[in-house]
C-alpha atoms as a PDB file:
ATOM      1  CA  UNK A   1      34.451 -72.018 -45.905  1.00  0.00           C
ATOM      2  CA  UNK A   2      32.218 -74.118 -43.904  1.00  0.00           C
ATOM      3  CA  UNK A   3      31.392 -73.773 -40.517  1.00  0.00           C
ATOM      4  CA  UNK A   4      31.913 -77.121 -39.736  1.00  0.00           C
ATOM      5  CA  UNK A   5      35.442 -76.955 -40.764  1.00  0.00           C
ATOM      6  CA  UNK A   6      36.362 -74.016 -38.578  1.00  0.00           C
ATOM      7  CA  UNK A   7      35.013 -75.661 -35.463  1.00  0.00           C
ATOM      8  CA  UNK A   8      36.895 -78.493 -36.512  1.00  0.00           C
ATOM      9  CA  UNK A   9      39.990 -76.548 -36.533  1.00  0.00           C
ATOM     10  CA  UNK A  10      39.433 -74.325 -33.560  1.00  0.00           C
ATOM     11  CA  UNK A  11      38.718 -77.658 -31.637  1.00  0.00           C
ATOM     12  CA  UNK A  12      42.069 -79.450 -32.428  1.00  0.00           C
ATOM     13  CA  UNK A  13      44.477 -76.066 -32.075  1.00  0.00           C
ATOM     14  CA  UNK A  14      46.037 -76.172 -28.525  1.00  0.00           C
ATOM     15  CA  UNK A  15      43.630 -73.367 -26.420  1.00  0.00           C
ATOM     16  CA  UNK A  16      47.021 -72.542 -24.888  1.00  0.00           C
ATOM     17  CA  UNK A  17      49.271 -72.295 -27.816  1.00  0.00           C
ATOM     18  CA  UNK A  18      47.206 -69.487 -29.607  1.00  0.00           C
ATOM     19  CA  UNK A  19      46.212 -66.005 -28.780  1.00  0.00           C
ATOM     20  CA  UNK A  20      42.477 -66.000 -27.021  1.00  0.00           C
ATOM     21  CA  UNK A  21      40.570 -63.015 -27.140  1.00  0.00           C
ATOM     22  CA  UNK A  22      38.400 -60.915 -24.579  1.00  0.00           C
ATOM     23  CA  UNK A  23      34.992 -62.427 -23.774  1.00  0.00           C
ATOM     24  CA  UNK A  24      35.542 -66.024 -24.775  1.00  0.00           C
ATOM     25  CA  UNK A  25      36.412 -64.975 -28.265  1.00  0.00           C
ATOM     26  CA  UNK A  26      38.708 -67.539 -30.130  1.00  0.00           C
ATOM     27  CA  UNK A  27      40.175 -66.522 -33.551  1.00  0.00           C
ATOM     28  CA  UNK A  28      40.983 -69.126 -36.077  1.00  0.00           C
ATOM     29  CA  UNK A  29      43.968 -67.912 -38.304  1.00  0.00           C
ATOM     30  CA  UNK A  30      43.973 -69.540 -42.044  1.00  0.00           C
ATOM     31  CA  UNK A  31      47.129 -69.355 -43.833  1.00  0.00           C
ATOM     32  CA  UNK A  32      46.531 -66.978 -46.821  1.00  0.00           C
ATOM     33  CA  UNK A  33      49.243 -65.171 -49.075  1.00  0.00           C
ATOM     34  CA  UNK A  34      48.486 -62.714 -52.166  1.00  0.00           C
ATOM     35  CA  UNK A  35      51.339 -63.026 -54.889  1.00  0.00           C
ATOM     36  CA  UNK A  36      51.604 -59.378 -56.686  1.00  0.00           C
ATOM     37  CA  UNK A  37      53.747 -59.918 -59.821  1.00  0.00           C
ATOM     38  CA  UNK A  38      55.590 -56.804 -60.961  1.00  0.00           C
ATOM     39  CA  UNK A  39      57.563 -55.501 -63.999  1.00  0.00           C
ATOM     40  CA  UNK A  40      59.696 -52.482 -64.758  1.00  0.00           C
ATOM     41  CA  UNK A  41      60.834 -50.716 -67.963  1.00  0.00           C
ATOM     42  CA  UNK A  42      63.675 -48.771 -68.404  1.00  0.00           C
ATOM     43  CA  UNK A  43      63.504 -45.637 -66.584  1.00  0.00           C
ATOM     44  CA  UNK A  44      59.932 -46.224 -66.027  1.00  0.00           C
ATOM     45  CA  UNK A  45      57.670 -45.750 -62.633  1.00  0.00           C
ATOM     46  CA  UNK A  46      55.263 -47.894 -62.117  1.00  0.00           C
ATOM     47  CA  UNK A  47      52.121 -48.164 -59.684  1.00  0.00           C
ATOM     48  CA  UNK A  48      50.897 -51.599 -58.940  1.00  0.00           C
ATOM     49  CA  UNK A  49      47.344 -52.352 -56.907  1.00  0.00           C
ATOM     50  CA  UNK A  50      46.263 -56.116 -54.997  1.00  0.00           C
ATOM     51  CA  UNK A  51      43.168 -56.109 -53.607  1.00  0.00           C
ATOM     52  CA  UNK A  52      42.655 -58.341 -50.477  1.00  0.00           C
ATOM     53  CA  UNK A  53      40.024 -60.771 -51.352  1.00  0.00           C
ATOM     54  CA  UNK A  54      38.072 -63.023 -49.224  1.00  0.00           C
ATOM     55  CA  UNK A  55      35.475 -63.248 -46.818  1.00  0.00           C
ATOM     56  CA  UNK A  56      37.012 -62.863 -43.643  1.00  0.00           C
ATOM     57  CA  UNK A  57      39.768 -59.855 -42.244  1.00  0.00           C
ATOM     58  CA  UNK A  58      43.520 -60.391 -43.521  1.00  0.00           C
ATOM     59  CA  UNK A  59      46.501 -59.545 -41.297  1.00  0.00           C
ATOM     60  CA  UNK A  60      49.803 -59.226 -42.936  1.00  0.00           C
ATOM     61  CA  UNK A  61      52.633 -60.846 -41.216  1.00  0.00           C
ATOM     62  CA  UNK A  62      55.787 -60.524 -43.519  1.00  0.00           C
ATOM     63  CA  UNK A  63      56.813 -60.233 -46.763  1.00  0.00           C
ATOM     64  CA  UNK A  64      58.964 -62.063 -49.140  1.00  0.00           C
ATOM     65  CA  UNK A  65      60.348 -61.365 -52.767  1.00  0.00           C
ATOM     66  CA  UNK A  66      61.740 -64.121 -55.633  1.00  0.00           C
ATOM     67  CA  UNK A  67      64.937 -62.021 -55.833  1.00  0.00           C
ATOM     68  CA  UNK A  68      67.992 -62.562 -54.157  1.00  0.00           C
ATOM     69  CA  UNK A  69      69.473 -60.276 -51.432  1.00  0.00           C
ATOM     70  CA  UNK A  70      71.815 -57.262 -53.075  1.00  0.00           C
ATOM     71  CA  UNK A  71      70.460 -59.218 -56.683  1.00  0.00           C
ATOM     72  CA  UNK A  72      69.127 -55.896 -58.083  1.00  0.00           C
ATOM     73  CA  UNK A  73      70.348 -52.446 -57.704  1.00  0.00           C
ATOM     74  CA  UNK A  74      68.812 -49.102 -58.571  1.00  0.00           C
ATOM     75  CA  UNK A  75      65.251 -50.429 -58.437  1.00  0.00           C
ATOM     76  CA  UNK A  76      63.640 -48.070 -55.930  1.00  0.00           C
ATOM     77  CA  UNK A  77      60.376 -50.092 -53.857  1.00  0.00           C
ATOM     78  CA  UNK A  78      57.803 -47.932 -52.387  1.00  0.00           C
ATOM     79  CA  UNK A  79      54.528 -50.100 -50.366  1.00  0.00           C
ATOM     80  CA  UNK A  80      51.516 -48.023 -49.557  1.00  0.00           C
ATOM     81  CA  UNK A  81      49.722 -50.828 -46.393  1.00  0.00           C
ATOM     82  CA  UNK A  82      45.917 -50.672 -46.996  1.00  0.00           C
ATOM     83  CA  UNK A  83      45.786 -48.308 -43.712  1.00  0.00           C
ATOM     84  CA  UNK A  84      47.105 -45.686 -46.254  1.00  0.00           C
ATOM     85  CA  UNK A  85      50.250 -45.631 -44.719  1.00  0.00           C
ATOM     86  CA  UNK A  86      54.180 -45.625 -46.650  1.00  0.00           C
ATOM     87  CA  UNK A  87      55.795 -49.026 -45.637  1.00  0.00           C
ATOM     88  CA  UNK A  88      58.996 -46.736 -46.335  1.00  0.00           C
ATOM     89  CA  UNK A  89      59.527 -42.722 -45.543  1.00  0.00           C
ATOM     90  CA  UNK A  90      60.878 -40.811 -48.308  1.00  0.00           C
ATOM     91  CA  UNK A  91      61.212 -42.008 -51.909  1.00  0.00           C
ATOM     92  CA  UNK A  92      61.385 -45.853 -50.612  1.00  0.00           C
ATOM     93  CA  UNK A  93      64.326 -48.544 -50.669  1.00  0.00           C
ATOM     94  CA  UNK A  94      66.376 -50.579 -52.965  1.00  0.00           C
ATOM     95  CA  UNK A  95      64.792 -53.707 -53.828  1.00  0.00           C
ATOM     96  CA  UNK A  96      67.782 -55.594 -53.517  1.00  0.00           C
ATOM     97  CA  UNK A  97      67.510 -54.605 -50.020  1.00  0.00           C
ATOM     98  CA  UNK A  98      64.603 -54.682 -48.388  1.00  0.00           C
ATOM     99  CA  UNK A  99      63.014 -58.905 -48.997  1.00  0.00           C
ATOM    100  CA  UNK A 100      64.105 -62.272 -49.860  1.00  0.00           C
ATOM    101  CA  UNK A 101      62.989 -65.494 -48.760  1.00  0.00           C
ATOM    102  CA  UNK A 102      62.942 -67.383 -45.373  1.00  0.00           C
ATOM    103  CA  UNK A 103      65.086 -65.425 -42.588  1.00  0.00           C
ATOM    104  CA  UNK A 104      65.173 -62.971 -44.944  1.00  0.00           C
ATOM    105  CA  UNK A 105      61.869 -61.907 -45.546  1.00  0.00           C
ATOM    106  CA  UNK A 106      60.331 -58.513 -44.093  1.00  0.00           C
ATOM    107  CA  UNK A 107      58.577 -59.112 -41.143  1.00  0.00           C
ATOM    108  CA  UNK A 108      55.426 -57.164 -40.164  1.00  0.00           C
ATOM    109  CA  UNK A 109      55.552 -56.753 -36.256  1.00  0.00           C
ATOM    110  CA  UNK A 110      52.759 -56.160 -35.154  1.00  0.00           C
ATOM    111  CA  UNK A 111      50.640 -58.174 -37.733  1.00  0.00           C
ATOM    112  CA  UNK A 112      48.503 -55.349 -40.024  1.00  0.00           C
ATOM    113  CA  UNK A 113      45.062 -56.216 -40.348  1.00  0.00           C
ATOM    114  CA  UNK A 114      43.246 -55.509 -43.563  1.00  0.00           C
ATOM    115  CA  UNK A 115      39.715 -55.597 -44.548  1.00  0.00           C
ATOM    116  CA  UNK A 116      38.091 -57.384 -47.370  1.00  0.00           C
ATOM    117  CA  UNK A 117      38.483 -55.518 -50.901  1.00  0.00           C
ATOM    118  CA  UNK A 118      41.144 -52.737 -48.787  1.00  0.00           C
ATOM    119  CA  UNK A 119      44.270 -52.662 -51.643  1.00  0.00           C
ATOM    120  CA  UNK A 120      47.891 -52.618 -51.197  1.00  0.00           C
ATOM    121  CA  UNK A 121      49.623 -50.304 -53.800  1.00  0.00           C
ATOM    122  CA  UNK A 122      53.540 -51.069 -55.146  1.00  0.00           C
ATOM    123  CA  UNK A 123      55.617 -48.330 -56.549  1.00  0.00           C
ATOM    124  CA  UNK A 124      58.512 -49.810 -58.346  1.00  0.00           C
ATOM    125  CA  UNK A 125      61.366 -47.124 -60.200  1.00  0.00           C
ATOM    126  CA  UNK A 126      64.081 -47.054 -62.130  1.00  0.00           C
ATOM    127  CA  UNK A 127      66.789 -44.975 -60.962  1.00  0.00           C
ATOM    128  CA  UNK A 128      69.965 -46.973 -62.292  1.00  0.00           C
ATOM    129  CA  UNK A 129      72.388 -44.168 -64.307  1.00  0.00           C
ATOM    130  CA  UNK A 130      71.378 -45.063 -68.041  1.00  0.00           C
ATOM    131  CA  UNK A 131      68.270 -47.406 -67.143  1.00  0.00           C
ATOM    132  CA  UNK A 132      67.941 -51.050 -66.939  1.00  0.00           C
ATOM    133  CA  UNK A 133      69.422 -52.962 -69.926  1.00  0.00           C
ATOM    134  CA  UNK A 134      65.540 -54.474 -70.439  1.00  0.00           C
ATOM    135  CA  UNK A 135      62.267 -55.118 -68.307  1.00  0.00           C
ATOM    136  CA  UNK A 136      62.978 -56.599 -65.496  1.00  0.00           C
ATOM    137  CA  UNK A 137      60.180 -58.781 -62.917  1.00  0.00           C
ATOM    138  CA  UNK A 138      59.781 -58.686 -59.428  1.00  0.00           C
ATOM    139  CA  UNK A 139      57.543 -60.870 -57.549  1.00  0.00           C
ATOM    140  CA  UNK A 140      56.456 -59.753 -54.391  1.00  0.00           C
ATOM    141  CA  UNK A 141      54.834 -62.367 -52.093  1.00  0.00           C
ATOM    142  CA  UNK A 142      52.394 -61.112 -49.092  1.00  0.00           C
ATOM    143  CA  UNK A 143      51.709 -63.207 -46.405  1.00  0.00           C
ATOM    144  CA  UNK A 144      49.236 -63.423 -43.657  1.00  0.00           C
ATOM    145  CA  UNK A 145      46.129 -65.047 -42.814  1.00  0.00           C
ATOM    146  CA  UNK A 146      42.767 -65.013 -42.689  1.00  0.00           C
ATOM    147  CA  UNK A 147      40.970 -64.552 -39.504  1.00  0.00           C
ATOM    148  CA  UNK A 148      37.657 -66.126 -38.510  1.00  0.00           C
ATOM    149  CA  UNK A 149      36.325 -65.624 -35.289  1.00  0.00           C
ATOM    150  CA  UNK A 150      33.870 -68.189 -33.432  1.00  0.00           C
ATOM    151  CA  UNK A 151      32.415 -68.769 -30.004  1.00  0.00           C
ATOM    152  CA  UNK A 152      30.423 -65.059 -30.034  1.00  0.00           C
ATOM    153  CA  UNK A 153      31.652 -63.273 -33.075  1.00  0.00           C
ATOM    154  CA  UNK A 154      33.806 -60.456 -33.035  1.00  0.00           C
ATOM    155  CA  UNK A 155      34.711 -58.986 -29.217  1.00  0.00           C
ATOM    156  CA  UNK A 156      32.825 -55.707 -28.224  1.00  0.00           C
ATOM    157  CA  UNK A 157      34.023 -52.801 -26.084  1.00  0.00           C
ATOM    158  CA  UNK A 158      32.590 -49.629 -25.116  1.00  0.00           C
ATOM    159  CA  UNK A 159      32.049 -47.460 -28.570  1.00  0.00           C
ATOM    160  CA  UNK A 160      31.960 -43.684 -28.714  1.00  0.00           C
ATOM    161  CA  UNK A 161      28.437 -42.634 -30.243  1.00  0.00           C
ATOM    162  CA  UNK A 162      28.477 -39.647 -32.781  1.00  0.00           C
ATOM    163  CA  UNK A 163      25.157 -39.073 -30.812  1.00  0.00           C
ATOM    164  CA  UNK A 164      27.398 -37.399 -27.980  1.00  0.00           C
ATOM    165  CA  UNK A 165      28.650 -35.006 -29.931  1.00  0.00           C
ATOM    166  CA  UNK A 166      28.279 -31.187 -30.222  1.00  0.00           C
ATOM    167  CA  UNK A 167      26.024 -30.940 -33.107  1.00  0.00           C
ATOM    168  CA  UNK A 168      25.001 -27.436 -33.220  1.00  0.00           C
ATOM    169  CA  UNK A 169      27.714 -24.225 -32.166  1.00  0.00           C
ATOM    170  CA  UNK A 170      25.614 -21.395 -32.522  1.00  0.00           C
ATOM    171  CA  UNK A 171      26.693 -20.090 -35.525  1.00  0.00           C
ATOM    172  CA  UNK A 172      24.620 -18.715 -38.161  1.00  0.00           C
ATOM    173  CA  UNK A 173      25.938 -21.608 -40.589  1.00  0.00           C
ATOM    174  CA  UNK A 174      24.385 -24.752 -38.872  1.00  0.00           C
ATOM    175  CA  UNK A 175      25.584 -27.275 -41.169  1.00  0.00           C
ATOM    176  CA  UNK A 176      26.721 -29.843 -38.654  1.00  0.00           C
ATOM    177  CA  UNK A 177      29.126 -31.233 -41.060  1.00  0.00           C
ATOM    178  CA  UNK A 178      30.426 -27.761 -42.357  1.00  0.00           C
ATOM    179  CA  UNK A 179      33.953 -27.037 -41.233  1.00  0.00           C
ATOM    180  CA  UNK A 180      34.943 -24.578 -38.536  1.00  0.00           C
ATOM    181  CA  UNK A 181      36.354 -22.208 -40.677  1.00  0.00           C
ATOM    182  CA  UNK A 182      32.423 -21.588 -42.382  1.00  0.00           C
ATOM    183  CA  UNK A 183      31.593 -20.122 -39.340  1.00  0.00           C
ATOM    184  CA  UNK A 184      34.626 -17.996 -39.197  1.00  0.00           C
ATOM    185  CA  UNK A 185      36.449 -19.605 -36.284  1.00  0.00           C
ATOM    186  CA  UNK A 186      40.211 -19.742 -36.414  1.00  0.00           C
ATOM    187  CA  UNK A 187      42.279 -22.518 -35.616  1.00  0.00           C
ATOM    188  CA  UNK A 188      42.301 -22.939 -32.166  1.00  0.00           C
ATOM    189  CA  UNK A 189      45.717 -22.315 -30.185  1.00  0.00           C
ATOM    190  CA  UNK A 190      46.266 -24.563 -27.179  1.00  0.00           C
ATOM    191  CA  UNK A 191      47.748 -22.793 -24.026  1.00  0.00           C
ATOM    192  CA  UNK A 192      51.343 -22.449 -23.951  1.00  0.00           C
ATOM    193  CA  UNK A 193      51.836 -21.881 -27.523  1.00  0.00           C
ATOM    194  CA  UNK A 194      51.793 -19.830 -30.122  1.00  0.00           C
ATOM    195  CA  UNK A 195      50.968 -20.199 -33.752  1.00  0.00           C
ATOM    196  CA  UNK A 196      52.300 -18.391 -36.662  1.00  0.00           C
ATOM    197  CA  UNK A 197      50.568 -17.899 -40.204  1.00  0.00           C
ATOM    198  CA  UNK A 198      53.277 -19.714 -42.421  1.00  0.00           C
ATOM    199  CA  UNK A 199      53.417 -20.619 -46.519  1.00  0.00           C
ATOM    200  CA  UNK A 200      56.201 -23.609 -47.270  1.00  0.00           C
ATOM    201  CA  UNK A 201      56.961 -23.908 -50.987  1.00  0.00           C
ATOM    202  CA  UNK A 202      58.902 -25.855 -53.106  1.00  0.00           C
ATOM    203  CA  UNK A 203      62.071 -25.297 -52.672  1.00  0.00           C
ATOM    204  CA  UNK A 204      63.769 -28.089 -50.445  1.00  0.00           C
ATOM    205  CA  UNK A 205      66.440 -27.772 -48.273  1.00  0.00           C
ATOM    206  CA  UNK A 206      68.697 -29.884 -50.455  1.00  0.00           C
ATOM    207  CA  UNK A 207      69.023 -26.849 -52.502  1.00  0.00           C
ATOM    208  CA  UNK A 208      66.389 -28.578 -55.279  1.00  0.00           C
ATOM    209  CA  UNK A 209      65.142 -26.366 -57.797  1.00  0.00           C
ATOM    210  CA  UNK A 210      61.961 -24.525 -56.795  1.00  0.00           C
ATOM    211  CA  UNK A 211      60.288 -25.235 -60.175  1.00  0.00           C
ATOM    212  CA  UNK A 212      59.670 -28.518 -61.578  1.00  0.00           C
ATOM    213  CA  UNK A 213      59.377 -28.617 -65.309  1.00  0.00           C
ATOM    214  CA  UNK A 214      58.424 -31.119 -67.527  1.00  0.00           C
ATOM    215  CA  UNK A 215      59.819 -30.025 -71.725  1.00  0.00           C
ATOM    216  CA  UNK A 216      57.481 -31.671 -74.135  1.00  0.00           C
ATOM    217  CA  UNK A 217      58.893 -32.250 -77.740  1.00  0.00           C
ATOM    218  CA  UNK A 218      58.763 -34.495 -80.314  1.00  0.00           C
ATOM    219  CA  UNK A 219      56.236 -36.982 -78.696  1.00  0.00           C
ATOM    220  CA  UNK A 220      58.901 -37.219 -75.906  1.00  0.00           C
ATOM    221  CA  UNK A 221      58.715 -35.942 -72.177  1.00  0.00           C
ATOM    222  CA  UNK A 222      61.677 -34.944 -69.925  1.00  0.00           C
ATOM    223  CA  UNK A 223      61.805 -34.026 -66.358  1.00  0.00           C
ATOM    224  CA  UNK A 224      63.744 -31.352 -64.574  1.00  0.00           C
ATOM    225  CA  UNK A 225      64.527 -32.182 -61.819  1.00  0.00           C
ATOM    226  CA  UNK A 226      64.783 -36.173 -61.597  1.00  0.00           C
ATOM    227  CA  UNK A 227      61.569 -37.216 -61.454  1.00  0.00           C
ATOM    228  CA  UNK A 228      61.477 -37.919 -58.050  1.00  0.00           C
ATOM    229  CA  UNK A 229      59.336 -36.494 -55.475  1.00  0.00           C
ATOM    230  CA  UNK A 230      59.323 -32.736 -54.275  1.00  0.00           C
ATOM    231  CA  UNK A 231      60.060 -32.297 -50.751  1.00  0.00           C
ATOM    232  CA  UNK A 232      59.074 -29.856 -48.359  1.00  0.00           C
ATOM    233  CA  UNK A 233      60.887 -30.119 -44.803  1.00  0.00           C
ATOM    234  CA  UNK A 234      59.262 -28.430 -41.761  1.00  0.00           C
ATOM    235  CA  UNK A 235      61.351 -26.377 -39.407  1.00  0.00           C
ATOM    236  CA  UNK A 236      62.703 -27.666 -36.474  1.00  0.00           C
ATOM    237  CA  UNK A 237      60.794 -26.607 -33.251  1.00  0.00           C
ATOM    238  CA  UNK A 238      57.558 -26.217 -34.982  1.00  0.00           C
ATOM    239  CA  UNK A 239      54.379 -27.987 -36.043  1.00  0.00           C
ATOM    240  CA  UNK A 240      52.839 -27.246 -39.153  1.00  0.00           C
ATOM    241  CA  UNK A 241      49.196 -26.756 -39.560  1.00  0.00           C
ATOM    242  CA  UNK A 242      48.080 -26.971 -43.202  1.00  0.00           C
ATOM    243  CA  UNK A 243      45.056 -25.214 -44.169  1.00  0.00           C
ATOM    244  CA  UNK A 244      45.078 -25.348 -48.263  1.00  0.00           C
ATOM    245  CA  UNK A 245      47.502 -25.864 -50.957  1.00  0.00           C
ATOM    246  CA  UNK A 246      48.178 -24.067 -53.735  1.00  0.00           C
ATOM    247  CA  UNK A 247      49.418 -25.052 -57.348  1.00  0.00           C
ATOM    248  CA  UNK A 248      51.278 -22.783 -59.407  1.00  0.00           C
ATOM    249  CA  UNK A 249      51.141 -24.404 -63.157  1.00  0.00           C
ATOM    250  CA  UNK A 250      52.480 -22.654 -66.181  1.00  0.00           C
ATOM    251  CA  UNK A 251      52.551 -23.353 -69.563  1.00  0.00           C
ATOM    252  CA  UNK A 252      54.664 -22.389 -72.618  1.00  0.00           C
ATOM    253  CA  UNK A 253      54.407 -22.611 -76.248  1.00  0.00           C
ATOM    254  CA  UNK A 254      51.635 -25.406 -77.709  1.00  0.00           C
ATOM    255  CA  UNK A 255      51.912 -27.642 -74.603  1.00  0.00           C
ATOM    256  CA  UNK A 256      49.074 -28.843 -72.976  1.00  0.00           C
ATOM    257  CA  UNK A 257      49.187 -31.227 -69.899  1.00  0.00           C
ATOM    258  CA  UNK A 258      47.467 -32.193 -66.597  1.00  0.00           C
ATOM    259  CA  UNK A 259      49.600 -32.393 -63.703  1.00  0.00           C
ATOM    260  CA  UNK A 260      48.712 -35.164 -61.002  1.00  0.00           C
ATOM    261  CA  UNK A 261      50.337 -35.434 -57.790  1.00  0.00           C
ATOM    262  CA  UNK A 262      49.908 -37.346 -54.324  1.00  0.00           C
ATOM    263  CA  UNK A 263      50.777 -35.838 -50.840  1.00  0.00           C
ATOM    264  CA  UNK A 264      52.448 -37.494 -48.372  1.00  0.00           C
ATOM    265  CA  UNK A 265      54.666 -37.011 -45.389  1.00  0.00           C
ATOM    266  CA  UNK A 266      57.871 -38.886 -43.993  1.00  0.00           C
ATOM    267  CA  UNK A 267      56.387 -40.149 -41.360  1.00  0.00           C
ATOM    268  CA  UNK A 268      54.000 -42.500 -43.221  1.00  0.00           C
ATOM    269  CA  UNK A 269      51.081 -40.589 -43.319  1.00  0.00           C
ATOM    270  CA  UNK A 270      49.418 -40.212 -46.953  1.00  0.00           C
ATOM    271  CA  UNK A 271      46.944 -37.529 -47.622  1.00  0.00           C
ATOM    272  CA  UNK A 272      45.631 -39.015 -51.118  1.00  0.00           C
ATOM    273  CA  UNK A 273      45.602 -42.501 -52.034  1.00  0.00           C
ATOM    274  CA  UNK A 274      45.806 -42.127 -55.592  1.00  0.00           C
ATOM    275  CA  UNK A 275      46.862 -39.194 -58.003  1.00  0.00           C
ATOM    276  CA  UNK A 276      44.464 -36.735 -58.476  1.00  0.00           C
ATOM    277  CA  UNK A 277      44.063 -33.145 -60.210  1.00  0.00           C
ATOM    278  CA  UNK A 278      44.990 -30.820 -57.488  1.00  0.00           C
ATOM    279  CA  UNK A 279      45.162 -27.851 -59.699  1.00  0.00           C
ATOM    280  CA  UNK A 280      41.491 -28.419 -60.560  1.00  0.00           C
ATOM    281  CA  UNK A 281      40.033 -30.133 -57.505  1.00  0.00           C
ATOM    282  CA  UNK A 282      41.781 -29.126 -54.467  1.00  0.00           C
ATOM    283  CA  UNK A 283      43.996 -25.872 -55.627  1.00  0.00           C
ATOM    284  CA  UNK A 284      42.805 -23.057 -53.000  1.00  0.00           C
ATOM    285  CA  UNK A 285      40.400 -24.681 -51.336  1.00  0.00           C
ATOM    286  CA  UNK A 286      39.976 -24.938 -47.297  1.00  0.00           C
ATOM    287  CA  UNK A 287      40.592 -28.182 -45.909  1.00  0.00           C
ATOM    288  CA  UNK A 288      37.376 -29.636 -44.152  1.00  0.00           C
ATOM    289  CA  UNK A 289      39.881 -30.395 -41.292  1.00  0.00           C
ATOM    290  CA  UNK A 290      44.017 -30.016 -40.463  1.00  0.00           C
ATOM    291  CA  UNK A 291      47.013 -31.706 -42.538  1.00  0.00           C
ATOM    292  CA  UNK A 292      49.536 -31.950 -39.715  1.00  0.00           C
ATOM    293  CA  UNK A 293      52.984 -32.342 -40.078  1.00  0.00           C
ATOM    294  CA  UNK A 294      55.579 -32.858 -37.038  1.00  0.00           C
ATOM    295  CA  UNK A 295      58.291 -30.830 -36.426  1.00  0.00           C
ATOM    296  CA  UNK A 296      61.397 -31.986 -38.952  1.00  0.00           C
ATOM    297  CA  UNK A 297      59.024 -34.094 -41.024  1.00  0.00           C
ATOM    298  CA  UNK A 298      58.785 -33.844 -44.599  1.00  0.00           C
ATOM    299  CA  UNK A 299      56.039 -33.243 -47.062  1.00  0.00           C
ATOM    300  CA  UNK A 300      56.678 -35.290 -50.346  1.00  0.00           C
ATOM    301  CA  UNK A 301      54.710 -34.636 -53.162  1.00  0.00           C
ATOM    302  CA  UNK A 302      54.911 -37.250 -55.873  1.00  0.00           C
ATOM    303  CA  UNK A 303      54.013 -36.098 -59.528  1.00  0.00           C
ATOM    304  CA  UNK A 304      52.981 -37.812 -62.834  1.00  0.00           C
ATOM    305  CA  UNK A 305      51.854 -35.952 -66.265  1.00  0.00           C
ATOM    306  CA  UNK A 306      49.016 -36.915 -68.054  1.00  0.00           C
ATOM    307  CA  UNK A 307      47.016 -36.137 -71.423  1.00  0.00           C
ATOM    308  CA  UNK A 308      50.521 -34.327 -72.625  1.00  0.00           C
ATOM    309  CA  UNK A 309      50.388 -33.145 -75.897  1.00  0.00           C
ATOM    310  CA  UNK A 310      51.975 -30.049 -78.196  1.00  0.00           C
ATOM    311  CA  UNK A 311      55.314 -28.654 -77.823  1.00  0.00           C
ATOM    312  CA  UNK A 312      57.054 -26.608 -75.137  1.00  0.00           C
ATOM    313  CA  UNK A 313      57.436 -25.908 -71.115  1.00  0.00           C
ATOM    314  CA  UNK A 314      55.258 -27.110 -67.938  1.00  0.00           C
ATOM    315  CA  UNK A 315      56.266 -25.733 -64.933  1.00  0.00           C
ATOM    316  CA  UNK A 316      54.923 -26.537 -61.568  1.00  0.00           C
ATOM    317  CA  UNK A 317      55.742 -24.808 -57.940  1.00  0.00           C
ATOM    318  CA  UNK A 318      53.651 -25.835 -54.826  1.00  0.00           C
ATOM    319  CA  UNK A 319      52.843 -24.042 -52.081  1.00  0.00           C
ATOM    320  CA  UNK A 320      51.397 -25.044 -48.289  1.00  0.00           C
ATOM    321  CA  UNK A 321      49.394 -22.210 -46.446  1.00  0.00           C
ATOM    322  CA  UNK A 322      48.783 -23.030 -43.075  1.00  0.00           C
ATOM    323  CA  UNK A 323      50.029 -22.120 -39.149  1.00  0.00           C
ATOM    324  CA  UNK A 324      53.363 -23.073 -37.600  1.00  0.00           C
ATOM    325  CA  UNK A 325      52.980 -23.816 -33.977  1.00  0.00           C
ATOM    326  CA  UNK A 326      55.720 -23.319 -31.396  1.00  0.00           C
ATOM    327  CA  UNK A 327      56.138 -23.551 -27.376  1.00  0.00           C
ATOM    328  CA  UNK A 328      55.499 -20.310 -26.058  1.00  0.00           C
END
């Protein structure tokens, strides 16, 4: 984009018809959308990615779909925004009830700013009884605009410097990047609250099974329960501060597989963007910080099985260890 064209557009647009930023900075929005073609096979769940391209920040204003309202039933849609948060709670929404075109588009209010090279992830899952009759194509259009800042560049405000933070605490371990628990410091309890050591595990309040089981036989893999995410509900009146996660994986027969997981909360916070091997990399490790889940919120654990060979069963049970905080 040539600077001369941007200056001309900035001069033509009405100064009273578009937002003005502080310090005399003007922002020139140029319409830009990203189309994401998706295909879902019967009985499957796929995750697709779209990278935000361009040489300027981009804002998401709306999402449209090529499927008419209520035309598709049983295809669940979950969208993870570049900020890391999920657009919907739980296991997503039915794509037929989500978006269409024109006045039926999904409106993102306020607009979400996305930096270049950030990614949008969309997960489609077939939850129809008996599966879809055939592969189904769904196209989503993420609509927005590129933001070009003129007359002084990006607005600047007061910034906090890292140098203003305390760096050394007089502990034996003087690694300024080390978590506090390495110095023997317990979790800090604010006045008026009480912390109780607690472990949550899968079962779920909806009487779902405690253990997820994959059965490997003759090249086929079946999961029980339905491969929807595990849900751990936090008790009312408590805020749970998770310090570490434990994965208990057992195999029988000649079965061998890797269990991949992704943790998120019903409020939209995601702990890890992509599926990773928790049992190998994070099982039993203390978090450098805290993973906080509010009262009556849920921790959802999405699961995938990879590199499965042999015959037998692969079972998994998940534990969240930490502290429950309540008012004294």
